Protein backbone atom coordinates (compact mmCIF):
# COMPACT_ATOMS: atom_id res chain seq x y z
CA MET A 1 6.93 -2.64 -58.58
CA ASN A 2 8.37 -4.14 -61.77
CA GLN A 3 8.21 -1.02 -63.65
CA HIS A 4 10.72 0.60 -61.22
CA ARG A 5 12.82 -2.71 -60.89
CA ALA A 6 12.98 -2.57 -64.98
CA LEU A 7 13.64 1.19 -64.77
CA TYR A 8 16.50 0.48 -61.85
CA LEU A 9 18.41 -2.28 -63.66
CA LEU A 10 18.64 0.02 -67.08
CA GLY A 11 20.01 2.94 -64.79
CA LEU A 12 22.51 0.47 -63.34
CA THR A 13 23.32 -1.28 -66.55
CA ALA A 14 23.78 2.32 -68.10
CA TRP A 15 25.73 3.68 -65.32
CA ILE A 16 27.89 0.08 -65.63
CA LEU A 17 28.75 0.20 -69.29
CA THR A 18 29.56 4.25 -69.95
CA GLY A 19 29.62 6.06 -66.06
CA CYS A 20 33.18 5.99 -66.17
CA VAL A 21 35.54 8.99 -67.07
CA THR A 22 39.37 8.05 -68.41
CA ALA A 23 41.49 11.55 -67.65
CA ARG A 24 44.98 11.62 -69.20
CA VAL A 25 47.72 14.31 -68.06
CA GLU A 26 51.16 15.23 -70.35
CA GLU A 27 53.59 17.69 -69.36
CA PHE A 28 56.57 18.93 -70.80
CA LEU A 29 58.65 21.49 -68.23
CA PRO A 30 61.94 21.60 -69.58
CA VAL A 31 62.52 24.30 -66.40
CA ARG A 32 60.50 23.35 -63.11
CA PRO A 33 58.76 26.52 -62.20
CA VAL A 34 58.93 26.50 -58.14
CA LEU A 35 57.13 29.20 -56.35
CA GLN A 36 59.03 30.91 -53.53
CA GLY A 37 58.42 33.37 -50.44
CA ASP A 38 55.65 35.67 -51.22
CA ASP A 39 55.63 34.42 -55.21
CA ALA A 40 52.40 34.48 -57.02
CA VAL A 41 50.71 32.63 -59.84
CA VAL A 42 47.83 34.43 -61.80
CA ILE A 43 45.42 31.98 -63.74
CA LEU A 44 43.96 33.87 -66.67
CA THR A 45 41.91 32.28 -69.44
CA ASN A 46 41.48 32.58 -73.34
CA ARG A 47 38.10 33.77 -73.71
CA GLN A 48 38.24 35.56 -77.14
CA ASP A 49 39.32 32.24 -79.76
CA ALA A 50 35.72 32.00 -81.37
CA ILE A 51 37.20 28.28 -82.01
CA VAL A 52 39.09 27.39 -78.79
CA GLU A 53 38.02 29.12 -75.44
CA ALA A 54 38.62 28.26 -72.08
CA GLU A 55 35.09 28.09 -69.96
CA GLU A 56 34.59 30.54 -67.28
CA SER A 57 33.28 27.41 -65.20
CA PHE A 58 36.71 25.33 -66.13
CA SER A 59 38.70 28.73 -64.98
CA GLU A 60 36.95 28.94 -61.45
CA CYS A 61 37.34 24.89 -60.98
CA LEU A 62 41.02 24.86 -61.18
CA TYR A 63 41.22 28.46 -59.33
CA LYS A 64 39.50 26.95 -56.52
CA GLN A 65 41.17 23.05 -56.79
CA ILE A 66 44.93 24.97 -57.05
CA ASP A 67 44.17 27.41 -53.98
CA ARG A 68 42.54 24.38 -51.77
CA GLY A 69 44.41 24.70 -48.57
CA ARG A 70 45.93 27.87 -49.56
CA ALA A 71 49.39 26.22 -49.97
CA LEU A 72 50.01 28.44 -52.83
CA ASN A 73 49.75 32.13 -53.48
CA VAL A 74 47.23 32.49 -56.19
CA ILE A 75 45.39 35.28 -57.75
CA SER A 76 42.19 34.60 -59.45
CA GLU A 77 41.56 35.79 -63.09
CA GLY A 78 38.51 38.42 -61.68
CA GLN A 79 41.40 40.02 -58.97
CA PHE A 80 43.75 40.12 -62.05
CA LYS A 81 41.81 41.97 -64.31
CA ASP A 82 40.48 44.41 -61.64
CA ALA A 83 44.18 45.28 -60.68
CA LEU A 84 44.99 45.70 -64.17
CA PHE A 85 41.52 47.57 -65.88
CA PRO A 86 41.18 48.25 -68.78
CA TRP A 87 44.32 46.28 -70.19
CA PHE A 88 42.63 42.79 -70.00
CA GLU A 89 39.10 43.75 -70.86
CA PRO A 90 37.51 41.81 -73.57
CA ARG A 91 38.28 44.63 -76.34
CA LEU A 92 42.03 44.81 -75.14
CA ALA A 93 42.81 41.88 -73.72
CA PRO A 94 45.48 39.62 -75.89
CA THR A 95 44.41 35.86 -77.13
CA LYS A 96 47.75 34.46 -76.99
CA ALA A 97 50.15 33.94 -73.65
CA GLU A 98 53.25 35.17 -75.81
CA THR A 99 51.52 38.41 -75.68
CA VAL A 100 50.55 38.82 -72.23
CA ALA A 101 54.03 38.11 -71.42
CA GLN A 102 55.29 40.82 -73.78
CA MET A 103 52.80 43.17 -71.56
CA MET A 104 53.65 42.17 -68.44
CA GLN A 105 57.06 44.21 -69.67
CA GLU A 106 55.45 47.52 -70.24
CA PRO A 107 56.12 50.12 -67.38
CA LEU A 108 52.72 50.42 -65.95
CA ILE A 109 51.61 47.00 -66.41
CA SER A 110 54.85 45.53 -64.69
CA ARG A 111 54.67 47.56 -61.38
CA LYS A 112 51.28 46.67 -61.12
CA VAL A 113 51.98 43.20 -61.44
CA SER A 114 55.24 43.76 -59.10
CA ASP A 115 52.67 44.78 -56.18
CA LEU A 116 50.43 41.95 -56.81
CA ASN A 117 53.97 39.57 -56.40
CA ILE A 118 53.20 37.70 -59.63
CA ARG A 119 55.98 35.24 -60.58
CA TYR A 120 54.33 33.09 -62.86
CA LEU A 121 51.16 33.14 -65.42
CA VAL A 122 49.38 30.17 -66.29
CA TRP A 123 47.65 30.77 -69.75
CA ILE A 124 44.41 28.15 -69.91
CA HIS A 125 43.21 27.24 -73.11
CA GLY A 126 40.60 24.48 -74.30
CA GLU A 127 37.10 23.21 -74.75
CA SER A 128 34.32 20.88 -73.50
CA GLU A 129 32.30 18.75 -76.57
CA MET A 130 29.46 16.65 -76.70
CA LEU A 131 30.10 14.36 -79.92
CA ASN A 132 28.37 11.49 -81.35
CA LYS A 133 25.07 12.00 -79.93
CA GLN A 134 22.60 8.99 -80.39
CA GLY A 135 19.39 7.47 -79.35
CA VAL A 136 15.69 8.42 -79.33
CA MET A 137 13.41 9.53 -76.15
CA THR A 138 9.78 10.48 -76.46
CA CYS A 139 7.52 12.07 -73.64
CA THR A 140 4.04 12.38 -73.56
CA LEU A 141 2.11 14.04 -70.95
CA SER A 142 -2.13 13.73 -70.83
CA PRO A 143 -4.73 13.89 -67.90
CA ALA A 144 -4.10 10.29 -66.39
CA GLY A 145 0.27 11.23 -65.80
CA GLY A 146 2.79 10.90 -68.10
CA GLY A 147 6.60 9.72 -68.49
CA CYS A 148 9.34 9.03 -70.99
CA LEU A 149 10.30 6.37 -72.97
CA GLY A 150 14.01 5.80 -74.48
CA VAL A 151 17.61 6.19 -74.53
CA LEU A 152 19.78 9.03 -75.20
CA SER A 153 23.69 8.68 -75.28
CA TRP A 154 26.55 11.14 -76.01
CA ASP A 155 30.54 11.32 -75.78
CA ASN A 156 31.59 13.70 -73.54
CA ASN A 157 35.56 15.01 -74.22
CA SER A 158 37.29 17.68 -72.52
CA THR A 159 40.61 19.04 -73.60
CA TYR A 160 42.66 21.86 -71.55
CA GLU A 161 46.28 23.12 -72.16
CA ALA A 162 48.37 25.40 -69.63
CA SER A 163 51.07 27.76 -70.79
CA ILE A 164 53.29 28.47 -67.52
CA TRP A 165 55.11 31.83 -68.21
CA ASP A 166 57.94 33.25 -66.03
CA ILE A 167 56.77 36.74 -65.88
CA ARG A 168 60.23 38.35 -64.28
CA GLU A 169 62.52 36.38 -67.03
CA GLY A 170 60.23 36.82 -69.98
CA GLU A 171 60.00 32.80 -71.03
CA SER A 172 58.08 30.28 -71.46
CA MET A 173 58.55 27.41 -68.52
CA GLY A 174 56.30 24.43 -70.57
CA ILE A 175 53.16 23.02 -71.09
CA ILE A 176 50.80 20.77 -69.11
CA SER A 177 47.85 19.19 -70.94
CA THR A 178 45.21 17.39 -70.14
CA GLU A 179 42.00 14.97 -71.56
CA ALA A 180 39.11 13.40 -70.27
CA THR A 181 36.46 11.30 -71.79
CA GLY A 182 33.47 9.48 -71.05
CA THR A 183 29.88 8.65 -72.66
CA SER A 184 26.93 9.96 -70.63
CA VAL A 185 23.31 8.42 -71.37
CA ILE A 186 19.91 9.35 -70.28
CA PRO A 187 17.82 6.11 -69.73
CA ALA A 188 13.95 6.14 -69.54
CA LEU A 189 11.13 3.99 -68.67
CA GLY A 190 9.02 6.40 -67.21
CA VAL A 191 11.32 9.13 -65.50
CA PRO A 192 14.80 9.77 -67.16
CA ILE A 193 17.72 9.03 -65.46
CA PRO A 194 20.46 11.35 -65.94
CA MET A 195 24.25 9.75 -66.33
CA ILE A 196 26.47 12.44 -67.03
CA ALA A 197 30.20 11.64 -67.24
CA ARG A 198 31.96 14.72 -66.00
CA THR A 199 34.69 15.17 -67.94
CA LYS A 200 35.02 18.87 -67.19
CA THR A 201 35.64 18.27 -63.51
CA ALA A 202 37.90 15.63 -64.09
CA SER A 203 40.07 17.31 -66.35
CA CYS A 204 40.02 20.29 -64.10
CA LYS A 205 41.18 18.14 -61.07
CA SER A 206 43.73 16.41 -62.80
CA LEU A 207 45.38 19.92 -64.31
CA ALA A 208 45.32 21.46 -60.85
CA ASP A 209 47.06 18.51 -59.68
CA GLN A 210 49.72 18.48 -61.81
CA LEU A 211 50.18 22.23 -61.38
CA ARG A 212 50.48 22.46 -57.73
CA SER A 213 52.70 19.51 -58.21
CA ALA A 214 55.16 21.63 -60.63
CA LEU A 215 54.97 24.80 -58.62
CA THR A 216 55.37 23.27 -55.36
CA GLY A 217 58.59 21.23 -56.56
CA PRO A 218 59.16 17.90 -55.46
C-alpha cells in the first residue's frame, strides 16, 4: 500500500510540475482568405525536406480538425494527390508552396483543380522534436517479479507553419504559425507512469482553429 501511495504521489507531482503544454499562435494575413459558395481548400504538407518536414499524422489531425462539422469544403491530401496523379508523387512533388502555386497555372493541372473547386492551398511546414533528455531508469526481471526505478524526462517542442495561397489569383495570402512546448516525464517506482506533453496535438488544434477562423471570415 505504501509503495502504491508513493508511486501515486510521485506521478501526481510530476504531472503538476511538467504536464502543462503551452501553445502560441501568430498570424500574418494582410488579406483575409475567405471561402465563398462552393470554394474548397486543400491541405498539403512538405514531405521532401530532410531537415524540416510535416509528419503525416499532423496533416491528418489538421484535416480532421478543420473539417469538423463540415462547415468548410476541405479536400484531404490523399484525395488531392489521387486527382492530380502523378504530379504529386514523391519523385515529382514540389517542396515549396511557391512552386505548387506555379504548377496550378499549368493548363492540365488547372482544369483538374477547377473541377475540385479549389480556391486556396494551405501548405504545412514544420516538425516536432524531443529535446533535453534527462534522468535514469533501470528495470529488472526475475522469477520473483520485476519492476522499474527512476525518472526520465524530456522537453517536447512542436513548431508548424501554414502558408495560404490563392490559387485563382496566384498570390500568397499570408502565414499562420504555431508553437507548442511542454515537458514529458516517466516516473517509475515499480511501474512506469508516462506523463506525455501532447505538443503536436496542441499545435494541430490551435493551428486548425486559426485556419478555420481565417477561412470563414469574421
